[in-house]
Amino acid sequence: MIYFLLVFAYVVSGKLGLMLALPPGYASPIFPPAGIAVAAALIGGRRMLPWIFLGSLSLNILTAYSSSQQVGAIGIIAASSIALASTLQAAAGGWGLRRTIGHPALLDCGNDIARFLLFTPVICLISASFSLNALLFLDILNAANLDASSGKGAEGSLCTRAGGLGADTAGATELDVEGSDAAGLA
């Protein structure tokens, strides 16, 4: 039951986060599912990863379908790539936070807080980097769009990550690409 709640929380908070999207694309400065996924991986460990993948995949497919009323094969591959990137980020973040601040993490001493604040921006780079490369490889994103989108994603990730485990994991990949099968992927 808790696993389905994780998928539900990921999708609902992702849709709410995308409501804050910055035009012209779908890059959101705040993306709560990233923090939810890292927290789930920190607390629940590896057994949460398939459910994080399912939540991210569901969100991406739902968002793609909402914008174009169809999702093609490239859209499914792109959604899967972004979901894999989100899952890798959550796995690395959960593992890394366990190693640096421990579990349960009380964050009640200066050293733990400093390690948390130093480590969490690094976590944000995992999904954005992997997702951008996947979309470049799939020819959904071109290099001209990369500069504009990566700035939004990195800026949103770093700001919100330091603010409390909520970040834009794939915000840099959420572009409205004209004529693309995968336009609108989150």
N, C-alpha and C. Protein backbone atom coordinates (compact mmCIF):
# COMPACT_ATOMS: atom_id res chain seq x y z
N MET A 1 0.81 -1.19 0.00
CA MET A 1 0.00 0.00 0.00
C MET A 1 0.86 1.26 0.00
N ILE A 2 1.92 1.27 0.81
CA ILE A 2 2.77 2.46 0.87
C ILE A 2 3.46 2.72 -0.47
N TYR A 3 3.70 1.66 -1.21
CA TYR A 3 4.35 1.82 -2.51
C TYR A 3 3.44 2.58 -3.49
N PHE A 4 2.16 2.24 -3.47
CA PHE A 4 1.22 2.94 -4.34
C PHE A 4 1.04 4.39 -3.91
N LEU A 5 1.15 4.63 -2.61
CA LEU A 5 1.09 6.01 -2.13
C LEU A 5 2.30 6.81 -2.62
N LEU A 6 3.45 6.16 -2.71
CA LEU A 6 4.64 6.83 -3.25
C LEU A 6 4.42 7.20 -4.71
N VAL A 7 3.89 6.28 -5.50
CA VAL A 7 3.61 6.56 -6.92
C VAL A 7 2.59 7.70 -7.02
N PHE A 8 1.54 7.63 -6.23
CA PHE A 8 0.50 8.66 -6.24
C PHE A 8 1.08 10.01 -5.85
N ALA A 9 1.86 10.05 -4.77
CA ALA A 9 2.47 11.31 -4.31
C ALA A 9 3.41 11.87 -5.37
N TYR A 10 4.15 10.99 -6.05
CA TYR A 10 5.07 11.44 -7.10
C TYR A 10 4.30 12.10 -8.24
N VAL A 11 3.25 11.45 -8.70
CA VAL A 11 2.48 11.97 -9.84
C VAL A 11 1.75 13.25 -9.46
N VAL A 12 1.05 13.26 -8.34
CA VAL A 12 0.28 14.44 -7.94
C VAL A 12 1.19 15.63 -7.68
N SER A 13 2.26 15.42 -6.91
CA SER A 13 3.17 16.54 -6.64
C SER A 13 3.89 16.99 -7.91
N GLY A 14 4.14 16.06 -8.83
CA GLY A 14 4.75 16.42 -10.11
C GLY A 14 3.83 17.28 -10.95
N LYS A 15 2.55 16.92 -11.00
CA LYS A 15 1.59 17.74 -11.75
C LYS A 15 1.46 19.12 -11.12
N LEU A 16 1.45 19.18 -9.79
CA LEU A 16 1.39 20.48 -9.12
C LEU A 16 2.66 21.29 -9.38
N GLY A 17 3.81 20.63 -9.35
CA GLY A 17 5.07 21.31 -9.64
C GLY A 17 5.12 21.85 -11.05
N LEU A 18 4.55 21.11 -11.98
CA LEU A 18 4.54 21.55 -13.38
C LEU A 18 3.57 22.71 -13.62
N MET A 19 2.66 22.94 -12.68
CA MET A 19 1.79 24.10 -12.80
C MET A 19 2.57 25.40 -12.64
N LEU A 20 3.76 25.30 -12.07
CA LEU A 20 4.64 26.46 -11.90
C LEU A 20 5.64 26.58 -13.04
N ALA A 21 5.41 25.84 -14.11
CA ALA A 21 6.35 25.80 -15.24
C ALA A 21 6.58 27.20 -15.82
N LEU A 22 7.80 27.39 -16.24
CA LEU A 22 8.21 28.66 -16.83
C LEU A 22 8.07 28.59 -18.34
N PRO A 23 7.40 29.56 -18.96
CA PRO A 23 7.28 29.55 -20.42
C PRO A 23 8.65 29.70 -21.07
N PRO A 24 8.86 29.17 -22.25
CA PRO A 24 7.91 28.58 -23.18
C PRO A 24 7.77 27.07 -22.98
N GLY A 25 8.50 26.48 -22.10
CA GLY A 25 8.48 25.03 -21.98
C GLY A 25 7.82 24.57 -20.70
N TYR A 26 8.33 23.47 -20.20
CA TYR A 26 7.77 22.86 -19.01
C TYR A 26 8.77 22.81 -17.88
N ALA A 27 9.80 23.62 -17.91
CA ALA A 27 10.79 23.64 -16.84
C ALA A 27 10.19 24.31 -15.63
N SER A 28 10.19 23.60 -14.52
CA SER A 28 9.60 24.10 -13.30
C SER A 28 10.70 24.44 -12.29
N PRO A 29 10.62 25.60 -11.65
CA PRO A 29 11.65 25.95 -10.68
C PRO A 29 11.56 25.11 -9.41
N ILE A 30 10.41 24.49 -9.16
CA ILE A 30 10.22 23.63 -7.99
C ILE A 30 9.63 22.32 -8.48
N PHE A 31 10.27 21.22 -8.10
CA PHE A 31 9.78 19.91 -8.52
C PHE A 31 9.80 18.96 -7.32
N PRO A 32 8.74 18.98 -6.49
CA PRO A 32 8.70 18.21 -5.25
C PRO A 32 8.93 16.70 -5.38
N PRO A 33 8.55 16.04 -6.50
CA PRO A 33 8.79 14.60 -6.57
C PRO A 33 10.26 14.20 -6.39
N ALA A 34 11.17 15.07 -6.76
CA ALA A 34 12.59 14.75 -6.58
C ALA A 34 12.92 14.58 -5.10
N GLY A 35 12.42 15.50 -4.30
CA GLY A 35 12.65 15.40 -2.86
C GLY A 35 11.94 14.21 -2.25
N ILE A 36 10.71 13.95 -2.72
CA ILE A 36 9.96 12.80 -2.23
C ILE A 36 10.72 11.52 -2.56
N ALA A 37 11.25 11.43 -3.78
CA ALA A 37 11.98 10.23 -4.19
C ALA A 37 13.26 10.04 -3.39
N VAL A 38 14.02 11.09 -3.18
CA VAL A 38 15.25 10.98 -2.40
C VAL A 38 14.92 10.59 -0.96
N ALA A 39 13.89 11.22 -0.38
CA ALA A 39 13.49 10.88 0.98
C ALA A 39 13.05 9.42 1.07
N ALA A 40 12.29 8.95 0.07
CA ALA A 40 11.85 7.56 0.07
C ALA A 40 13.03 6.61 -0.03
N ALA A 41 14.00 6.95 -0.87
CA ALA A 41 15.19 6.10 -1.00
C ALA A 41 16.04 6.15 0.27
N LEU A 42 16.12 7.29 0.91
CA LEU A 42 16.86 7.42 2.16
C LEU A 42 16.22 6.57 3.25
N ILE A 43 14.91 6.64 3.37
CA ILE A 43 14.21 5.94 4.44
C ILE A 43 13.96 4.47 4.10
N GLY A 44 13.49 4.21 2.88
CA GLY A 44 13.08 2.85 2.51
C GLY A 44 14.12 2.03 1.79
N GLY A 45 15.18 2.67 1.32
CA GLY A 45 16.24 1.93 0.64
C GLY A 45 15.86 1.49 -0.77
N ARG A 46 16.55 0.45 -1.22
CA ARG A 46 16.40 -0.02 -2.61
C ARG A 46 15.01 -0.49 -2.96
N ARG A 47 14.27 -0.97 -2.01
CA ARG A 47 12.93 -1.50 -2.33
C ARG A 47 11.98 -0.41 -2.83
N MET A 48 12.33 0.85 -2.64
CA MET A 48 11.49 1.96 -3.11
C MET A 48 11.78 2.33 -4.58
N LEU A 49 12.92 1.92 -5.10
CA LEU A 49 13.34 2.37 -6.43
C LEU A 49 12.39 1.99 -7.55
N PRO A 50 11.87 0.76 -7.61
CA PRO A 50 10.92 0.46 -8.70
C PRO A 50 9.67 1.35 -8.66
N TRP A 51 9.26 1.73 -7.48
CA TRP A 51 8.06 2.56 -7.34
C TRP A 51 8.37 4.01 -7.71
N ILE A 52 9.57 4.45 -7.45
CA ILE A 52 9.99 5.77 -7.90
C ILE A 52 10.02 5.80 -9.42
N PHE A 53 10.56 4.75 -10.03
CA PHE A 53 10.57 4.64 -11.49
C PHE A 53 9.15 4.69 -12.03
N LEU A 54 8.25 3.91 -11.45
CA LEU A 54 6.86 3.86 -11.91
C LEU A 54 6.18 5.22 -11.76
N GLY A 55 6.44 5.93 -10.66
CA GLY A 55 5.87 7.25 -10.47
C GLY A 55 6.36 8.24 -11.50
N SER A 56 7.66 8.23 -11.75
CA SER A 56 8.22 9.14 -12.75
C SER A 56 7.74 8.80 -14.15
N LEU A 57 7.72 7.53 -14.48
CA LEU A 57 7.23 7.10 -15.80
C LEU A 57 5.77 7.50 -15.98
N SER A 58 4.96 7.27 -14.96
CA SER A 58 3.53 7.64 -15.04
C SER A 58 3.37 9.14 -15.24
N LEU A 59 4.13 9.93 -14.49
CA LEU A 59 4.04 11.38 -14.61
C LEU A 59 4.44 11.83 -16.01
N ASN A 60 5.52 11.29 -16.53
CA ASN A 60 5.99 11.69 -17.86
C ASN A 60 5.03 11.30 -18.96
N ILE A 61 4.49 10.11 -18.88
CA ILE A 61 3.53 9.67 -19.91
C ILE A 61 2.24 10.46 -19.79
N LEU A 62 1.76 10.68 -18.59
CA LEU A 62 0.55 11.47 -18.39
C LEU A 62 0.71 12.89 -18.90
N THR A 63 1.85 13.49 -18.63
CA THR A 63 2.10 14.86 -19.09
C THR A 63 2.20 14.92 -20.61
N ALA A 64 2.89 13.95 -21.19
CA ALA A 64 3.00 13.91 -22.66
C ALA A 64 1.63 13.72 -23.30
N TYR A 65 0.83 12.83 -22.73
CA TYR A 65 -0.50 12.58 -23.27
C TYR A 65 -1.40 13.81 -23.12
N SER A 66 -1.28 14.49 -21.99
CA SER A 66 -2.10 15.69 -21.74
C SER A 66 -1.85 16.78 -22.77
N SER A 67 -0.60 16.89 -23.22
CA SER A 67 -0.29 17.98 -24.15
C SER A 67 -0.61 17.65 -25.60
N SER A 68 -0.59 16.38 -25.99
CA SER A 68 -0.80 16.06 -27.40
C SER A 68 -1.84 14.98 -27.65
N GLN A 69 -2.46 14.44 -26.61
CA GLN A 69 -3.47 13.39 -26.72
C GLN A 69 -2.95 12.12 -27.38
N GLN A 70 -1.63 11.96 -27.41
CA GLN A 70 -1.02 10.74 -27.92
C GLN A 70 0.42 10.66 -27.42
N VAL A 71 0.92 9.45 -27.32
CA VAL A 71 2.31 9.24 -26.94
C VAL A 71 2.87 8.17 -27.87
N GLY A 72 3.86 8.54 -28.66
CA GLY A 72 4.47 7.61 -29.60
C GLY A 72 5.61 6.83 -28.97
N ALA A 73 6.25 6.01 -29.77
CA ALA A 73 7.34 5.17 -29.29
C ALA A 73 8.50 6.01 -28.75
N ILE A 74 8.83 7.09 -29.46
CA ILE A 74 9.92 7.95 -28.99
C ILE A 74 9.53 8.59 -27.66
N GLY A 75 8.27 8.94 -27.50
CA GLY A 75 7.79 9.50 -26.24
C GLY A 75 7.92 8.53 -25.09
N ILE A 76 7.61 7.26 -25.35
CA ILE A 76 7.74 6.22 -24.32
C ILE A 76 9.22 6.03 -23.95
N ILE A 77 10.07 6.01 -24.96
CA ILE A 77 11.51 5.85 -24.70
C ILE A 77 12.04 7.04 -23.92
N ALA A 78 11.62 8.25 -24.30
CA ALA A 78 12.06 9.45 -23.58
C ALA A 78 11.54 9.44 -22.15
N ALA A 79 10.28 9.08 -21.96
CA ALA A 79 9.70 9.01 -20.61
C ALA A 79 10.44 7.98 -19.77
N SER A 80 10.78 6.85 -20.37
CA SER A 80 11.53 5.81 -19.66
C SER A 80 12.93 6.29 -19.29
N SER A 81 13.55 7.02 -20.19
CA SER A 81 14.90 7.54 -19.92
C SER A 81 14.87 8.54 -18.77
N ILE A 82 13.88 9.41 -18.76
CA ILE A 82 13.77 10.39 -17.68
C ILE A 82 13.44 9.69 -16.37
N ALA A 83 12.57 8.68 -16.43
CA ALA A 83 12.23 7.92 -15.22
C ALA A 83 13.45 7.20 -14.68
N LEU A 84 14.27 6.64 -15.57
CA LEU A 84 15.50 5.99 -15.13
C LEU A 84 16.44 7.01 -14.48
N ALA A 85 16.54 8.19 -15.08
CA ALA A 85 17.39 9.24 -14.52
C ALA A 85 16.89 9.66 -13.14
N SER A 86 15.59 9.80 -12.98
CA SER A 86 15.02 10.17 -11.69
C SER A 86 15.27 9.08 -10.65
N THR A 87 15.18 7.83 -11.08
CA THR A 87 15.43 6.71 -10.17
C THR A 87 16.90 6.66 -9.77
N LEU A 88 17.80 6.86 -10.72
CA LEU A 88 19.23 6.89 -10.40
C LEU A 88 19.54 8.03 -9.43
N GLN A 89 18.92 9.17 -9.64
CA GLN A 89 19.14 10.30 -8.74
C GLN A 89 18.66 9.96 -7.33
N ALA A 90 17.48 9.38 -7.22
CA ALA A 90 16.96 9.01 -5.90
C ALA A 90 17.84 7.97 -5.22
N ALA A 91 18.30 6.98 -6.00
CA ALA A 91 19.17 5.93 -5.44
C ALA A 91 20.48 6.52 -4.95
N ALA A 92 21.10 7.34 -5.78
CA ALA A 92 22.38 7.96 -5.39
C ALA A 92 22.17 8.92 -4.22
N GLY A 93 21.08 9.68 -4.26
CA GLY A 93 20.81 10.61 -3.17
C GLY A 93 20.54 9.91 -1.86
N GLY A 94 19.71 8.87 -1.89
CA GLY A 94 19.42 8.12 -0.67
C GLY A 94 20.66 7.46 -0.10
N TRP A 95 21.43 6.82 -0.98
CA TRP A 95 22.67 6.16 -0.55
C TRP A 95 23.67 7.19 -0.02
N GLY A 96 23.84 8.28 -0.76
CA GLY A 96 24.81 9.29 -0.35
C GLY A 96 24.44 9.97 0.95
N LEU A 97 23.16 10.27 1.13
CA LEU A 97 22.75 10.89 2.38
C LEU A 97 22.89 9.94 3.56
N ARG A 98 22.61 8.66 3.34
CA ARG A 98 22.84 7.67 4.40
C ARG A 98 24.31 7.65 4.82
N ARG A 99 25.18 7.73 3.84
CA ARG A 99 26.62 7.70 4.11
C ARG A 99 27.12 8.98 4.76
N THR A 100 26.58 10.13 4.35
CA THR A 100 27.11 11.40 4.85
C THR A 100 26.46 11.87 6.14
N ILE A 101 25.14 11.68 6.28
CA ILE A 101 24.48 12.16 7.50
C ILE A 101 23.81 11.06 8.30
N GLY A 102 23.72 9.85 7.73
CA GLY A 102 23.13 8.72 8.44
C GLY A 102 21.62 8.67 8.35
N HIS A 103 21.09 7.59 8.90
CA HIS A 103 19.64 7.41 8.97
C HIS A 103 19.30 6.75 10.28
N PRO A 104 18.40 7.23 11.07
CA PRO A 104 17.59 8.41 10.82
C PRO A 104 18.43 9.68 10.91
N ALA A 105 18.12 10.63 10.07
CA ALA A 105 18.86 11.89 10.01
C ALA A 105 18.14 12.94 10.84
N LEU A 106 18.72 13.26 11.96
CA LEU A 106 18.11 14.25 12.84
C LEU A 106 18.43 15.68 12.41
N LEU A 107 19.55 15.85 11.73
CA LEU A 107 20.01 17.17 11.32
C LEU A 107 20.02 18.13 12.51
N ASP A 108 20.55 17.64 13.63
CA ASP A 108 20.56 18.45 14.84
C ASP A 108 21.94 18.99 15.22
N CYS A 109 22.93 18.77 14.35
CA CYS A 109 24.24 19.35 14.62
C CYS A 109 24.74 20.04 13.34
N GLY A 110 25.59 21.00 13.55
CA GLY A 110 26.09 21.81 12.44
C GLY A 110 26.76 21.02 11.35
N ASN A 111 27.52 19.99 11.72
CA ASN A 111 28.22 19.17 10.72
C ASN A 111 27.25 18.44 9.80
N ASP A 112 26.18 17.88 10.37
CA ASP A 112 25.19 17.18 9.55
C ASP A 112 24.48 18.14 8.59
N ILE A 113 24.15 19.30 9.09
CA ILE A 113 23.47 20.30 8.26
C ILE A 113 24.40 20.76 7.14
N ALA A 114 25.66 21.01 7.46
CA ALA A 114 26.62 21.45 6.44
C ALA A 114 26.79 20.37 5.37
N ARG A 115 26.93 19.10 5.77
CA ARG A 115 27.06 18.02 4.80
C ARG A 115 25.81 17.89 3.94
N PHE A 116 24.65 18.04 4.56
CA PHE A 116 23.39 17.99 3.81
C PHE A 116 23.35 19.10 2.76
N LEU A 117 23.68 20.32 3.18
CA LEU A 117 23.62 21.46 2.25
C LEU A 117 24.68 21.38 1.16
N LEU A 118 25.80 20.75 1.43
CA LEU A 118 26.84 20.60 0.41
C LEU A 118 26.54 19.44 -0.55
N PHE A 119 25.94 18.37 -0.05
CA PHE A 119 25.71 17.18 -0.85
C PHE A 119 24.47 17.29 -1.74
N THR A 120 23.42 17.93 -1.25
CA THR A 120 22.16 17.91 -1.99
C THR A 120 22.22 18.61 -3.35
N PRO A 121 22.96 19.70 -3.55
CA PRO A 121 23.03 20.24 -4.91
C PRO A 121 23.69 19.28 -5.90
N VAL A 122 24.60 18.47 -5.43
CA VAL A 122 25.25 17.48 -6.30
C VAL A 122 24.24 16.43 -6.75
N ILE A 123 23.34 16.06 -5.85
CA ILE A 123 22.31 15.08 -6.18
C ILE A 123 21.47 15.57 -7.37
N CYS A 124 21.18 16.86 -7.39
CA CYS A 124 20.31 17.44 -8.42
C CYS A 124 20.88 17.30 -9.82
N LEU A 125 22.18 17.21 -9.92
CA LEU A 125 22.81 17.17 -11.24
C LEU A 125 22.64 15.82 -11.94
N ILE A 126 22.37 14.78 -11.19
CA ILE A 126 22.31 13.43 -11.74
C ILE A 126 21.20 13.29 -12.77
N SER A 127 19.97 13.57 -12.38
CA SER A 127 18.85 13.38 -13.28
C SER A 127 18.89 14.34 -14.46
N ALA A 128 19.20 15.60 -14.18
CA ALA A 128 19.24 16.59 -15.27
C ALA A 128 20.29 16.21 -16.31
N SER A 129 21.47 15.79 -15.86
CA SER A 129 22.55 15.43 -16.79
C SER A 129 22.17 14.21 -17.63
N PHE A 130 21.69 13.17 -16.97
CA PHE A 130 21.33 11.95 -17.68
C PHE A 130 20.16 12.21 -18.64
N SER A 131 19.14 12.92 -18.16
CA SER A 131 17.96 13.19 -18.99
C SER A 131 18.30 14.03 -20.21
N LEU A 132 19.09 15.07 -20.02
CA LEU A 132 19.47 15.91 -21.15
C LEU A 132 20.24 15.11 -22.20
N ASN A 133 21.17 14.28 -21.75
CA ASN A 133 21.92 13.47 -22.71
C ASN A 133 21.03 12.47 -23.43
N ALA A 134 20.07 11.90 -22.72
CA ALA A 134 19.14 10.96 -23.36
C ALA A 134 18.29 11.68 -24.42
N LEU A 135 17.81 12.88 -24.10
CA LEU A 135 16.99 13.61 -25.06
C LEU A 135 17.81 14.11 -26.24
N LEU A 136 19.06 14.44 -26.00
CA LEU A 136 19.94 14.77 -27.13
C LEU A 136 20.16 13.56 -28.02
N PHE A 137 20.41 12.41 -27.41
CA PHE A 137 20.61 11.17 -28.16
C PHE A 137 19.38 10.80 -28.97
N LEU A 138 18.20 10.98 -28.40
CA LEU A 138 16.95 10.64 -29.09
C LEU A 138 16.55 11.71 -30.11
N ASP A 139 17.31 12.77 -30.19
CA ASP A 139 17.07 13.88 -31.11
C ASP A 139 15.76 14.62 -30.82
N ILE A 140 15.36 14.61 -29.57
CA ILE A 140 14.19 15.35 -29.13
C ILE A 140 14.61 16.78 -28.78
N LEU A 141 15.79 16.91 -28.30
CA LEU A 141 16.35 18.20 -27.90
C LEU A 141 17.55 18.48 -28.78
N ASN A 142 17.68 19.73 -29.21
CA ASN A 142 18.86 20.06 -29.99
C ASN A 142 19.79 20.94 -29.15
N ALA A 143 21.00 21.08 -29.59
CA ALA A 143 22.02 21.80 -28.82
C ALA A 143 21.64 23.27 -28.61
N ALA A 144 20.90 23.86 -29.53
CA ALA A 144 20.50 25.25 -29.38
C ALA A 144 19.55 25.42 -28.20
N ASN A 145 18.68 24.45 -27.97
CA ASN A 145 17.75 24.50 -26.83
C ASN A 145 18.44 24.14 -25.53
N LEU A 146 19.55 23.46 -25.59
CA LEU A 146 20.22 22.96 -24.39
C LEU A 146 20.69 24.08 -23.49
N ASP A 147 21.27 25.13 -24.03
CA ASP A 147 21.77 26.21 -23.21
C ASP A 147 20.67 26.88 -22.40
N ALA A 148 19.56 27.17 -23.04
CA ALA A 148 18.46 27.84 -22.36
C ALA A 148 17.83 26.93 -21.31
N SER A 149 17.66 25.66 -21.63
CA SER A 149 16.97 24.77 -20.71
C SER A 149 17.83 24.37 -19.54
N SER A 150 19.11 24.15 -19.76
CA SER A 150 19.95 23.69 -18.66
C SER A 150 20.12 24.78 -17.62
N GLY A 151 20.08 26.03 -18.03
CA GLY A 151 20.16 27.11 -17.06
C GLY A 151 18.96 27.12 -16.13
N LYS A 152 17.78 26.94 -16.70
CA LYS A 152 16.57 26.91 -15.87
C LYS A 152 16.62 25.73 -14.91
N GLY A 153 16.97 24.57 -15.44
CA GLY A 153 16.96 23.37 -14.61
C GLY A 153 17.95 23.45 -13.48
N ALA A 154 19.18 23.86 -13.76
CA ALA A 154 20.20 23.92 -12.73
C ALA A 154 19.84 24.97 -11.69
N GLU A 155 19.35 26.12 -12.14
CA GLU A 155 18.99 27.17 -11.22
C GLU A 155 17.86 26.71 -10.30
N GLY A 156 16.84 26.10 -10.86
CA GLY A 156 15.73 25.61 -10.05
C GLY A 156 16.17 24.51 -9.11
N SER A 157 17.01 23.61 -9.59
CA SER A 157 17.45 22.50 -8.76
C SER A 157 18.24 22.98 -7.57
N LEU A 158 19.21 23.85 -7.80
CA LEU A 158 20.07 24.28 -6.71
C LEU A 158 19.30 25.08 -5.69
N CYS A 159 18.43 25.96 -6.13
CA CYS A 159 17.69 26.79 -5.19
C CYS A 159 16.74 25.96 -4.34
N THR A 160 15.95 25.10 -4.97
CA THR A 160 14.96 24.36 -4.21
C THR A 160 15.58 23.22 -3.43
N ARG A 161 16.67 22.66 -3.90
CA ARG A 161 17.31 21.56 -3.19
C ARG A 161 17.84 22.06 -1.85
N ALA A 162 18.45 23.19 -1.82
CA ALA A 162 18.96 23.72 -0.57
C ALA A 162 17.81 24.08 0.37
N GLY A 163 16.63 24.33 -0.21
CA GLY A 163 15.49 24.72 0.59
C GLY A 163 14.74 23.56 1.22
N GLY A 164 15.03 22.32 0.92
CA GLY A 164 14.33 21.26 1.63
C GLY A 164 13.98 20.05 0.81
N LEU A 165 14.89 19.45 0.15
CA LEU A 165 14.70 18.19 -0.56
C LEU A 165 13.60 18.23 -1.61
N GLY A 166 13.34 19.34 -2.20
CA GLY A 166 12.40 19.41 -3.31
C GLY A 166 13.15 20.04 -4.46
N ALA A 167 13.25 19.36 -5.57
CA ALA A 167 14.05 19.94 -6.65
C ALA A 167 13.49 19.58 -7.99
N ASP A 168 13.99 20.24 -8.97
CA ASP A 168 13.59 20.04 -10.35
C ASP A 168 14.54 19.02 -10.97
N THR A 169 14.21 17.74 -10.85
CA THR A 169 15.12 16.71 -11.34
C THR A 169 15.21 16.69 -12.84
N ALA A 170 14.08 16.81 -13.47
CA ALA A 170 14.09 16.73 -14.92
C ALA A 170 13.56 18.01 -15.52
N GLY A 171 13.54 19.06 -14.77
CA GLY A 171 13.01 20.32 -15.27
C GLY A 171 13.74 20.79 -16.50
N ALA A 172 15.02 20.53 -16.55
CA ALA A 172 15.80 20.96 -17.71
C ALA A 172 15.43 20.14 -18.94
N THR A 173 14.76 19.03 -18.75
CA THR A 173 14.39 18.19 -19.89
C THR A 173 12.95 18.41 -20.31
N GLU A 174 12.22 19.21 -19.56
CA GLU A 174 10.81 19.39 -19.83
C GLU A 174 10.58 20.53 -20.79
N LEU A 175 10.92 20.34 -22.02
CA LEU A 175 10.80 21.39 -23.02
C LEU A 175 9.66 21.09 -23.97
N ASP A 176 9.04 22.13 -24.44
CA ASP A 176 8.02 21.99 -25.46
C ASP A 176 8.74 22.04 -26.81
N VAL A 177 9.02 20.89 -27.36
CA VAL A 177 9.79 20.80 -28.59
C VAL A 177 8.81 20.69 -29.75
N GLU A 178 8.79 21.70 -30.59
CA GLU A 178 7.86 21.73 -31.73
C GLU A 178 7.99 20.47 -32.57
N GLY A 179 6.85 19.86 -32.86
CA GLY A 179 6.82 18.72 -33.77
C GLY A 179 7.39 17.44 -33.19
N SER A 180 7.66 17.40 -31.91
CA SER A 180 8.28 16.22 -31.31
C SER A 180 7.22 15.28 -30.78
N ASP A 181 7.46 14.00 -30.88
CA ASP A 181 6.60 12.99 -30.31
C ASP A 181 6.54 13.11 -28.80
N ALA A 182 7.63 13.59 -28.22
CA ALA A 182 7.75 13.60 -26.77
C ALA A 182 7.53 14.98 -26.18
N ALA A 183 6.95 15.88 -26.94
CA ALA A 183 6.71 17.22 -26.40
C ALA A 183 5.85 17.11 -25.14
N GLY A 184 6.25 17.82 -24.12
CA GLY A 184 5.49 17.84 -22.90
C GLY A 184 5.90 16.81 -21.88
N LEU A 185 6.97 16.10 -22.11
CA LEU A 185 7.41 15.14 -21.11
C LEU A 185 7.90 15.86 -19.88
N ALA A 186 7.58 15.32 -18.74
CA ALA A 186 8.01 15.96 -17.49
C ALA A 186 9.15 15.21 -16.88
